[in-house]
PDB file of all heavy atoms in Angstrom:
ATOM      1  N   GLY A   1      16.937 120.737 144.459  1.00  0.00           N
ATOM      2  CA  GLY A   1      18.334 121.096 144.641  1.00  0.00           C
ATOM      3  C   GLY A   1      19.031 121.387 143.332  1.00  0.00           C
ATOM      4  O   GLY A   1      18.518 121.111 142.233  1.00  0.00           O
ATOM      5  N   LYS A   2      20.232 121.928 143.414  1.00  0.00           N
ATOM      6  CA  LYS A   2      21.021 122.244 142.194  1.00  0.00           C
ATOM      7  C   LYS A   2      21.364 120.992 141.407  1.00  0.00           C
ATOM      8  O   LYS A   2      21.577 121.052 140.201  1.00  0.00           O
ATOM      9  CB  LYS A   2      22.304 122.990 142.598  1.00  0.00           C
ATOM     10  CG  LYS A   2      22.034 124.393 143.123  1.00  0.00           C
ATOM     11  CD  LYS A   2      23.310 125.105 143.515  1.00  0.00           C
ATOM     12  CE  LYS A   2      23.014 126.492 144.071  1.00  0.00           C
ATOM     13  NZ  LYS A   2      24.250 127.190 144.510  1.00  0.00           N
ATOM     14  N   ASP A   3      21.411 119.855 142.123  1.00  0.00           N
ATOM     15  CA  ASP A   3      21.734 118.589 141.433  1.00  0.00           C
ATOM     16  C   ASP A   3      20.483 117.946 140.813  1.00  0.00           C
ATOM     17  O   ASP A   3      20.547 116.841 140.258  1.00  0.00           O
ATOM     18  CB  ASP A   3      22.390 117.610 142.416  1.00  0.00           C
ATOM     19  CG  ASP A   3      21.482 117.265 143.594  1.00  0.00           C
ATOM     20  OD1 ASP A   3      20.393 117.887 143.702  1.00  0.00           O
ATOM     21  OD2 ASP A   3      21.855 116.386 144.379  1.00  0.00           O
ATOM     22  N   GLY A   4      19.347 118.647 140.929  1.00  0.00           N
ATOM     23  CA  GLY A   4      18.135 118.116 140.305  1.00  0.00           C
ATOM     24  C   GLY A   4      17.287 117.287 141.245  1.00  0.00           C
ATOM     25  O   GLY A   4      16.160 116.913 140.897  1.00  0.00           O
ATOM     26  N   SER A   5      17.825 116.989 142.428  1.00  0.00           N
ATOM     27  CA  SER A   5      17.050 116.172 143.378  1.00  0.00           C
ATOM     28  C   SER A   5      15.902 116.989 143.945  1.00  0.00           C
ATOM     29  O   SER A   5      15.956 118.221 144.020  1.00  0.00           O
ATOM     30  CB  SER A   5      17.957 115.708 144.523  1.00  0.00           C
ATOM     31  OG  SER A   5      18.453 116.845 145.246  1.00  0.00           O
ATOM     32  N   SER A   6      14.819 116.315 144.334  1.00  0.00           N
ATOM     33  CA  SER A   6      13.649 117.031 144.850  1.00  0.00           C
ATOM     34  C   SER A   6      13.276 116.541 146.236  1.00  0.00           C
ATOM     35  O   SER A   6      13.511 115.378 146.583  1.00  0.00           O
ATOM     36  CB  SER A   6      12.451 116.862 143.902  1.00  0.00           C
ATOM     37  OG  SER A   6      12.024 115.508 143.905  1.00  0.00           O
ATOM     38  N   GLN A   7      12.726 117.433 147.015  1.00  0.00           N
ATOM     39  CA  GLN A   7      12.259 117.115 148.360  1.00  0.00           C
ATOM     40  C   GLN A   7      10.933 117.830 148.568  1.00  0.00           C
ATOM     41  O   GLN A   7      10.795 119.011 148.245  1.00  0.00           O
ATOM     42  CB  GLN A   7      13.291 117.598 149.376  1.00  0.00           C
ATOM     43  CG  GLN A   7      12.919 117.308 150.815  1.00  0.00           C
ATOM     44  CD  GLN A   7      13.966 117.862 151.782  1.00  0.00           C
ATOM     45  OE1 GLN A   7      15.081 118.195 151.389  1.00  0.00           O
ATOM     46  NE2 GLN A   7      13.593 117.981 153.049  1.00  0.00           N
ATOM     47  N   VAL A   8       9.923 117.103 149.059  1.00  0.00           N
ATOM     48  CA  VAL A   8       8.617 117.701 149.298  1.00  0.00           C
ATOM     49  C   VAL A   8       8.467 117.984 150.792  1.00  0.00           C
ATOM     50  O   VAL A   8       8.639 117.103 151.621  1.00  0.00           O
ATOM     51  CB  VAL A   8       7.471 116.784 148.827  1.00  0.00           C
ATOM     52  CG1 VAL A   8       6.119 117.375 149.187  1.00  0.00           C
ATOM     53  CG2 VAL A   8       7.569 116.556 147.317  1.00  0.00           C
ATOM     54  N   GLU A   9       8.194 119.239 151.116  1.00  0.00           N
ATOM     55  CA  GLU A   9       8.030 119.639 152.506  1.00  0.00           C
ATOM     56  C   GLU A   9       6.583 120.051 152.786  1.00  0.00           C
ATOM     57  O   GLU A   9       5.938 120.637 151.925  1.00  0.00           O
ATOM     58  CB  GLU A   9       8.975 120.798 152.842  1.00  0.00           C
ATOM     59  CG  GLU A   9      10.440 120.397 152.928  1.00  0.00           C
ATOM     60  CD  GLU A   9      11.248 121.374 153.777  1.00  0.00           C
ATOM     61  OE1 GLU A   9      10.704 122.423 154.172  1.00  0.00           O
ATOM     62  OE2 GLU A   9      12.440 121.075 154.005  1.00  0.00           O
ATOM     63  N   ASN A  10       6.120 119.742 153.997  1.00  0.00           N
ATOM     64  CA  ASN A  10       4.779 120.143 154.431  1.00  0.00           C
ATOM     65  C   ASN A  10       4.925 121.184 155.546  1.00  0.00           C
ATOM     66  O   ASN A  10       5.522 120.921 156.576  1.00  0.00           O
ATOM     67  CB  ASN A  10       4.012 118.921 154.939  1.00  0.00           C
ATOM     68  CG  ASN A  10       3.577 118.001 153.826  1.00  0.00           C
ATOM     69  OD1 ASN A  10       2.499 118.168 153.260  1.00  0.00           O
ATOM     70  ND2 ASN A  10       4.404 117.039 153.480  1.00  0.00           N
ATOM     71  N   ILE A  11       4.355 122.352 155.284  1.00  0.00           N
ATOM     72  CA  ILE A  11       4.401 123.418 156.280  1.00  0.00           C
ATOM     73  C   ILE A  11       3.435 123.082 157.430  1.00  0.00           C
ATOM     74  O   ILE A  11       2.381 122.485 157.207  1.00  0.00           O
ATOM     75  CB  ILE A  11       4.030 124.765 155.628  1.00  0.00           C
ATOM     76  CG1 ILE A  11       5.125 125.142 154.594  1.00  0.00           C
ATOM     77  CG2 ILE A  11       3.849 125.875 156.641  1.00  0.00           C
ATOM     78  CD1 ILE A  11       4.778 126.318 153.712  1.00  0.00           C
ATOM     79  N   GLN A  12       3.822 123.454 158.627  1.00  0.00           N
ATOM     80  CA  GLN A  12       2.977 123.215 159.818  1.00  0.00           C
ATOM     81  C   GLN A  12       1.542 123.645 159.526  1.00  0.00           C
ATOM     82  O   GLN A  12       1.299 124.752 159.014  1.00  0.00           O
ATOM     83  CB  GLN A  12       3.530 124.023 160.995  1.00  0.00           C
ATOM     84  CG  GLN A  12       2.754 123.888 162.292  1.00  0.00           C
ATOM     85  CD  GLN A  12       2.926 122.526 162.959  1.00  0.00           C
ATOM     86  OE1 GLN A  12       3.867 121.811 162.708  1.00  0.00           O
ATOM     87  NE2 GLN A  12       1.957 122.177 163.803  1.00  0.00           N
ATOM     88  N   PRO A  13       0.549 122.790 159.827  1.00  0.00           N
ATOM     89  CA  PRO A  13      -0.853 123.119 159.487  1.00  0.00           C
ATOM     90  C   PRO A  13      -1.333 124.427 160.125  1.00  0.00           C
ATOM     91  O   PRO A  13      -0.940 124.764 161.236  1.00  0.00           O
ATOM     92  CB  PRO A  13      -1.637 121.932 160.054  1.00  0.00           C
ATOM     93  CG  PRO A  13      -0.656 120.824 160.145  1.00  0.00           C
ATOM     94  CD  PRO A  13       0.659 121.460 160.454  1.00  0.00           C
ATOM     95  N   PHE A  14      -2.173 125.137 159.376  1.00  0.00           N
ATOM     96  CA  PHE A  14      -2.807 126.353 159.890  1.00  0.00           C
ATOM     97  C   PHE A  14      -4.196 126.000 160.392  1.00  0.00           C
ATOM     98  O   PHE A  14      -4.963 125.322 159.722  1.00  0.00           O
ATOM     99  CB  PHE A  14      -2.927 127.410 158.782  1.00  0.00           C
ATOM    100  CG  PHE A  14      -1.624 127.823 158.180  1.00  0.00           C
ATOM    101  CD1 PHE A  14      -1.393 127.647 156.826  1.00  0.00           C
ATOM    102  CD2 PHE A  14      -0.621 128.396 158.953  1.00  0.00           C
ATOM    103  CE1 PHE A  14      -0.189 128.027 156.250  1.00  0.00           C
ATOM    104  CE2 PHE A  14       0.586 128.783 158.391  1.00  0.00           C
ATOM    105  CZ  PHE A  14       0.805 128.605 157.031  1.00  0.00           C
ATOM    106  N   SER A  15      -4.521 126.466 161.588  1.00  0.00           N
ATOM    107  CA  SER A  15      -5.857 126.228 162.186  1.00  0.00           C
ATOM    108  C   SER A  15      -6.755 127.430 161.886  1.00  0.00           C
ATOM    109  O   SER A  15      -6.318 128.446 161.343  1.00  0.00           O
ATOM    110  CB  SER A  15      -5.725 126.065 163.695  1.00  0.00           C
ATOM    111  OG  SER A  15      -5.281 127.294 164.269  1.00  0.00           O
ATOM    112  N   ALA A  16      -8.026 127.316 162.256  1.00  0.00           N
ATOM    113  CA  ALA A  16      -8.945 128.428 162.068  1.00  0.00           C
ATOM    114  C   ALA A  16      -8.461 129.675 162.845  1.00  0.00           C
ATOM    115  O   ALA A  16      -8.586 130.795 162.359  1.00  0.00           O
ATOM    116  CB  ALA A  16     -10.341 128.036 162.542  1.00  0.00           C
ATOM    117  N   LYS A  17      -7.889 129.436 164.012  1.00  0.00           N
ATOM    118  CA  LYS A  17      -7.355 130.556 164.806  1.00  0.00           C
ATOM    119  C   LYS A  17      -6.225 131.252 164.062  1.00  0.00           C
ATOM    120  O   LYS A  17      -6.188 132.487 164.001  1.00  0.00           O
ATOM    121  CB  LYS A  17      -6.880 130.036 166.170  1.00  0.00           C
ATOM    122  CG  LYS A  17      -6.405 131.139 167.103  1.00  0.00           C
ATOM    123  CD  LYS A  17      -5.954 130.572 168.448  1.00  0.00           C
ATOM    124  CE  LYS A  17      -5.456 131.693 169.372  1.00  0.00           C
ATOM    125  NZ  LYS A  17      -4.960 131.166 170.659  1.00  0.00           N
ATOM    126  N   ASP A  18      -5.323 130.463 163.498  1.00  0.00           N
ATOM    127  CA  ASP A  18      -4.207 131.042 162.715  1.00  0.00           C
ATOM    128  C   ASP A  18      -4.742 131.879 161.551  1.00  0.00           C
ATOM    129  O   ASP A  18      -4.260 133.006 161.286  1.00  0.00           O
ATOM    130  CB  ASP A  18      -3.304 129.936 162.128  1.00  0.00           C
ATOM    131  CG  ASP A  18      -2.625 129.104 163.215  1.00  0.00           C
ATOM    132  OD1 ASP A  18      -2.290 129.677 164.278  1.00  0.00           O
ATOM    133  OD2 ASP A  18      -2.444 127.890 162.996  1.00  0.00           O
ATOM    134  N   LEU A  19      -5.725 131.335 160.848  1.00  0.00           N
ATOM    135  CA  LEU A  19      -6.230 131.994 159.630  1.00  0.00           C
ATOM    136  C   LEU A  19      -7.128 133.195 159.955  1.00  0.00           C
ATOM    137  O   LEU A  19      -7.366 134.032 159.087  1.00  0.00           O
ATOM    138  CB  LEU A  19      -6.971 130.982 158.759  1.00  0.00           C
ATOM    139  CG  LEU A  19      -6.106 129.824 158.246  1.00  0.00           C
ATOM    140  CD1 LEU A  19      -6.936 128.840 157.430  1.00  0.00           C
ATOM    141  CD2 LEU A  19      -4.920 130.320 157.409  1.00  0.00           C
ATOM    142  N   SER A  20      -7.596 133.284 161.188  1.00  0.00           N
ATOM    143  CA  SER A  20      -8.373 134.457 161.592  1.00  0.00           C
ATOM    144  C   SER A  20      -7.412 135.626 161.881  1.00  0.00           C
ATOM    145  O   SER A  20      -7.801 136.790 161.802  1.00  0.00           O
ATOM    146  CB  SER A  20      -9.236 134.169 162.818  1.00  0.00           C
ATOM    147  OG  SER A  20      -8.419 133.943 163.970  1.00  0.00           O
ATOM    148  N   ILE A  21      -6.176 135.294 162.225  1.00  0.00           N
ATOM    149  CA  ILE A  21      -5.163 136.325 162.481  1.00  0.00           C
ATOM    150  C   ILE A  21      -4.585 136.833 161.164  1.00  0.00           C
ATOM    151  O   ILE A  21      -4.415 138.029 160.952  1.00  0.00           O
ATOM    152  CB  ILE A  21      -4.027 135.749 163.361  1.00  0.00           C
ATOM    153  CG1 ILE A  21      -4.584 135.376 164.740  1.00  0.00           C
ATOM    154  CG2 ILE A  21      -2.874 136.741 163.497  1.00  0.00           C
ATOM    155  CD1 ILE A  21      -3.638 134.560 165.606  1.00  0.00           C
ATOM    156  N   ARG A  22      -4.280 135.897 160.259  1.00  0.00           N
ATOM    157  CA  ARG A  22      -3.762 136.256 158.931  1.00  0.00           C
ATOM    158  C   ARG A  22      -4.320 135.250 157.938  1.00  0.00           C
ATOM    159  O   ARG A  22      -4.199 134.055 158.117  1.00  0.00           O
ATOM    160  CB  ARG A  22      -2.235 136.255 158.924  1.00  0.00           C
ATOM    161  CG  ARG A  22      -1.646 136.831 157.641  1.00  0.00           C
ATOM    162  CD  ARG A  22      -0.252 137.374 157.865  1.00  0.00           C
ATOM    163  NE  ARG A  22       0.294 137.988 156.658  1.00  0.00           N
ATOM    164  CZ  ARG A  22      -0.070 139.180 156.194  1.00  0.00           C
ATOM    165  NH1 ARG A  22      -0.997 139.884 156.833  1.00  0.00           N
ATOM    166  NH2 ARG A  22       0.479 139.695 155.105  1.00  0.00           N
ATOM    167  N   SER A  23      -4.913 135.758 156.880  1.00  0.00           N
ATOM    168  CA  SER A  23      -5.625 134.892 155.940  1.00  0.00           C
ATOM    169  C   SER A  23      -4.681 133.950 155.193  1.00  0.00           C
ATOM    170  O   SER A  23      -3.475 134.201 155.096  1.00  0.00           O
ATOM    171  CB  SER A  23      -6.392 135.738 154.926  1.00  0.00           C
ATOM    172  OG  SER A  23      -5.486 136.324 153.998  1.00  0.00           O
ATOM    173  N   LEU A  24      -5.259 132.897 154.652  1.00  0.00           N
ATOM    174  CA  LEU A  24      -4.478 131.923 153.889  1.00  0.00           C
ATOM    175  C   LEU A  24      -3.812 132.581 152.684  1.00  0.00           C
ATOM    176  O   LEU A  24      -2.637 132.351 152.395  1.00  0.00           O
ATOM    177  CB  LEU A  24      -5.368 130.785 153.428  1.00  0.00           C
ATOM    178  CG  LEU A  24      -4.672 129.668 152.624  1.00  0.00           C
ATOM    179  CD1 LEU A  24      -3.627 128.948 153.461  1.00  0.00           C
ATOM    180  CD2 LEU A  24      -5.703 128.669 152.079  1.00  0.00           C
ATOM    181  N   GLY A  25      -4.547 133.433 151.996  1.00  0.00           N
ATOM    182  CA  GLY A  25      -3.995 134.114 150.816  1.00  0.00           C
ATOM    183  C   GLY A  25      -2.763 134.938 151.164  1.00  0.00           C
ATOM    184  O   GLY A  25      -1.748 134.866 150.470  1.00  0.00           O
ATOM    185  N   ASP A  26      -2.842 135.700 152.239  1.00  0.00           N
ATOM    186  CA  ASP A  26      -1.709 136.524 152.648  1.00  0.00           C
ATOM    187  C   ASP A  26      -0.533 135.678 153.123  1.00  0.00           C
ATOM    188  O   ASP A  26       0.631 136.041 152.906  1.00  0.00           O
ATOM    189  CB  ASP A  26      -2.126 137.504 153.732  1.00  0.00           C
ATOM    190  CG  ASP A  26      -2.995 138.631 153.183  1.00  0.00           C
ATOM    191  OD1 ASP A  26      -3.039 138.782 151.950  1.00  0.00           O
ATOM    192  OD2 ASP A  26      -3.642 139.335 153.981  1.00  0.00           O
ATOM    193  N   ARG A  27      -0.814 134.569 153.774  1.00  0.00           N
ATOM    194  CA  ARG A  27       0.264 133.689 154.197  1.00  0.00           C
ATOM    195  C   ARG A  27       0.994 133.094 152.983  1.00  0.00           C
ATOM    196  O   ARG A  27       2.215 132.951 152.984  1.00  0.00           O
ATOM    197  CB  ARG A  27      -0.292 132.562 155.100  1.00  0.00           C
ATOM    198  CG  ARG A  27      -0.708 133.043 156.476  1.00  0.00           C
ATOM    199  CD  ARG A  27      -1.309 131.944 157.323  1.00  0.00           C
ATOM    200  NE  ARG A  27      -1.824 132.436 158.598  1.00  0.00           N
ATOM    201  CZ  ARG A  27      -1.098 132.613 159.702  1.00  0.00           C
ATOM    202  NH1 ARG A  27       0.186 132.313 159.698  1.00  0.00           N
ATOM    203  NH2 ARG A  27      -1.652 133.072 160.810  1.00  0.00           N
ATOM    204  N   ILE A  28       0.238 132.740 151.974  1.00  0.00           N
ATOM    205  CA  ILE A  28       0.846 132.202 150.731  1.00  0.00           C
ATOM    206  C   ILE A  28       1.674 133.290 150.049  1.00  0.00           C
ATOM    207  O   ILE A  28       2.775 133.034 149.557  1.00  0.00           O
ATOM    208  CB  ILE A  28      -0.254 131.656 149.798  1.00  0.00           C
ATOM    209  CG1 ILE A  28      -0.822 130.357 150.377  1.00  0.00           C
ATOM    210  CG2 ILE A  28       0.278 131.433 148.376  1.00  0.00           C
ATOM    211  CD1 ILE A  28      -2.024 129.817 149.667  1.00  0.00           C
ATOM    212  N   ARG A  29       1.167 134.526 150.042  1.00  0.00           N
ATOM    213  CA  ARG A  29       1.918 135.640 149.433  1.00  0.00           C
ATOM    214  C   ARG A  29       3.227 135.868 150.187  1.00  0.00           C
ATOM    215  O   ARG A  29       4.265 136.127 149.585  1.00  0.00           O
ATOM    216  CB  ARG A  29       1.076 136.913 149.459  1.00  0.00           C
ATOM    217  CG  ARG A  29       1.811 138.132 148.913  1.00  0.00           C
ATOM    218  CD  ARG A  29       0.924 139.345 148.827  1.00  0.00           C
ATOM    219  NE  ARG A  29       0.370 139.721 150.132  1.00  0.00           N
ATOM    220  CZ  ARG A  29      -0.429 140.759 150.316  1.00  0.00           C
ATOM    221  NH1 ARG A  29      -0.796 141.496 149.270  1.00  0.00           N
ATOM    222  NH2 ARG A  29      -0.887 141.048 151.515  1.00  0.00           N
ATOM    223  N   ASP A  30       3.192 135.717 151.518  1.00  0.00           N
ATOM    224  CA  ASP A  30       4.373 135.968 152.345  1.00  0.00           C
ATOM    225  C   ASP A  30       5.482 134.940 152.119  1.00  0.00           C
ATOM    226  O   ASP A  30       6.662 135.254 152.300  1.00  0.00           O
ATOM    227  CB  ASP A  30       4.012 135.934 153.837  1.00  0.00           C
ATOM    228  CG  ASP A  30       3.104 137.108 154.235  1.00  0.00           C
ATOM    229  OD1 ASP A  30       3.022 138.072 153.452  1.00  0.00           O
ATOM    230  OD2 ASP A  30       2.492 137.034 155.306  1.00  0.00           O
ATOM    231  N   LEU A  31       5.108 133.719 151.769  1.00  0.00           N
ATOM    232  CA  LEU A  31       6.080 132.623 151.679  1.00  0.00           C
ATOM    233  C   LEU A  31       6.757 132.640 150.302  1.00  0.00           C
ATOM    234  O   LEU A  31       6.193 132.171 149.311  1.00  0.00           O
ATOM    235  CB  LEU A  31       5.394 131.267 151.941  1.00  0.00           C
ATOM    236  CG  LEU A  31       4.833 131.087 153.360  1.00  0.00           C
ATOM    237  CD1 LEU A  31       3.903 129.889 153.435  1.00  0.00           C
ATOM    238  CD2 LEU A  31       5.998 130.927 154.356  1.00  0.00           C
ATOM    239  N   GLY A  32       7.967 133.168 150.285  1.00  0.00           N
ATOM    240  CA  GLY A  32       8.698 133.333 149.012  1.00  0.00           C
ATOM    241  C   GLY A  32       9.032 132.027 148.298  1.00  0.00           C
ATOM    242  O   GLY A  32       9.234 132.009 147.074  1.00  0.00           O
TER     243      GLY A  32
END
């Protein structure tokens, strides 16, 4: 945050089915 505080978030897990639709590399590229 702007005040320097930090928060760690975990994105919903990707399964093999998810990654067969769109690769892990491309998903990481997509997430700004």
